[in-house]
Amino acid sequence: MYRHFPDLSERDVRRVAGLLRVLGSVQTWLRMREEYGLDGAQSGPLVIWAIGVLAREIRAGHLPGPPD
C-alpha cells in the first residue's frame, strides 16, 4: 500500500487501506447483489471504478482529515 501512496503518512495509509478493503470486500459484493440485484459482472466494474476514482483523488491530495 505504501508504494501506491508514498506521500501519505503511516496513519493515512492505514485509513486508505481500510477504505479500499471495505470497498473490495465480500460484504460489499453481497450487499450489491442482495440489495440492488447486481451480480459480480455488474458490481465488479463499479467497485473497480470507485477504487480508481478514490486512488486518483487521494494521490491528488484530496483525502479528508479525521473528525475533530
Protein backbone atom coordinates (compact mmCIF):
# COMPACT_ATOMS: atom_id res chain seq x y z
CA MET A 1 0.00 0.00 0.00
CA TYR A 2 2.85 2.38 0.81
CA ARG A 3 4.24 2.14 -2.71
CA HIS A 4 0.90 3.25 -4.16
CA PHE A 5 0.65 6.26 -1.85
CA PRO A 6 4.23 7.24 -0.98
CA ASP A 7 3.28 10.78 0.12
CA LEU A 8 0.86 9.63 2.84
CA SER A 9 1.68 9.22 6.49
CA GLU A 10 1.50 5.78 8.06
CA ARG A 11 -1.80 6.74 9.69
CA ASP A 12 -3.31 7.88 6.39
CA VAL A 13 -2.11 4.75 4.62
CA ARG A 14 -3.97 2.69 7.24
CA ARG A 15 -7.10 4.80 6.71
CA VAL A 16 -6.92 4.39 2.94
CA ALA A 17 -6.20 0.66 3.23
CA GLY A 18 -9.29 0.22 5.39
CA LEU A 19 -11.47 2.16 2.98
CA LEU A 20 -10.28 0.25 -0.07
CA ARG A 21 -10.53 -3.08 1.76
CA VAL A 22 -14.18 -2.37 2.64
CA LEU A 23 -14.98 -1.50 -0.97
CA GLY A 24 -13.39 -4.70 -2.24
CA SER A 25 -14.88 -6.96 0.42
CA VAL A 26 -17.27 -9.88 0.14
CA GLN A 27 -19.76 -7.91 2.20
CA THR A 28 -19.82 -5.19 -0.46
CA TRP A 29 -20.38 -7.77 -3.18
CA LEU A 30 -23.18 -9.43 -1.18
CA ARG A 31 -24.86 -6.13 -0.48
CA MET A 32 -24.72 -5.11 -4.14
CA ARG A 33 -26.25 -8.46 -5.09
CA GLU A 34 -28.89 -8.79 -2.39
CA GLU A 35 -30.00 -5.17 -2.00
CA TYR A 36 -29.57 -3.93 -5.57
CA GLY A 37 -29.78 -7.07 -7.70
CA LEU A 38 -26.32 -6.61 -9.24
CA ASP A 39 -24.29 -9.73 -9.92
CA GLY A 40 -20.49 -9.79 -9.84
CA ALA A 41 -20.23 -8.99 -13.55
CA GLN A 42 -22.16 -5.78 -12.88
CA SER A 43 -20.82 -4.79 -9.47
CA GLY A 44 -17.17 -5.68 -10.11
CA PRO A 45 -16.56 -2.94 -12.68
CA LEU A 46 -18.36 -0.41 -10.47
CA VAL A 47 -16.17 -1.22 -7.49
CA ILE A 48 -13.02 -1.11 -9.61
CA TRP A 49 -14.09 2.27 -10.98
CA ALA A 50 -14.82 3.62 -7.49
CA ILE A 51 -11.43 2.45 -6.20
CA GLY A 52 -9.72 4.09 -9.18
CA VAL A 53 -11.51 7.39 -8.58
CA LEU A 54 -10.63 7.32 -4.88
CA ALA A 55 -7.00 6.45 -5.59
CA ARG A 56 -6.73 9.34 -8.06
CA GLU A 57 -8.26 11.78 -5.58
CA ILE A 58 -6.07 10.57 -2.72
CA ARG A 59 -2.92 10.92 -4.85
CA ALA A 60 -4.04 14.46 -5.70
CA GLY A 61 -4.13 15.29 -2.00
CA HIS A 62 -7.91 15.13 -1.59
CA LEU A 63 -8.05 12.88 1.45
CA PRO A 64 -10.32 14.19 4.19
CA GLY A 65 -8.90 14.58 7.64
CA PRO A 66 -10.24 12.70 10.63
CA PRO A 67 -13.12 14.28 12.53
CA ASP A 68 -12.22 16.58 15.39
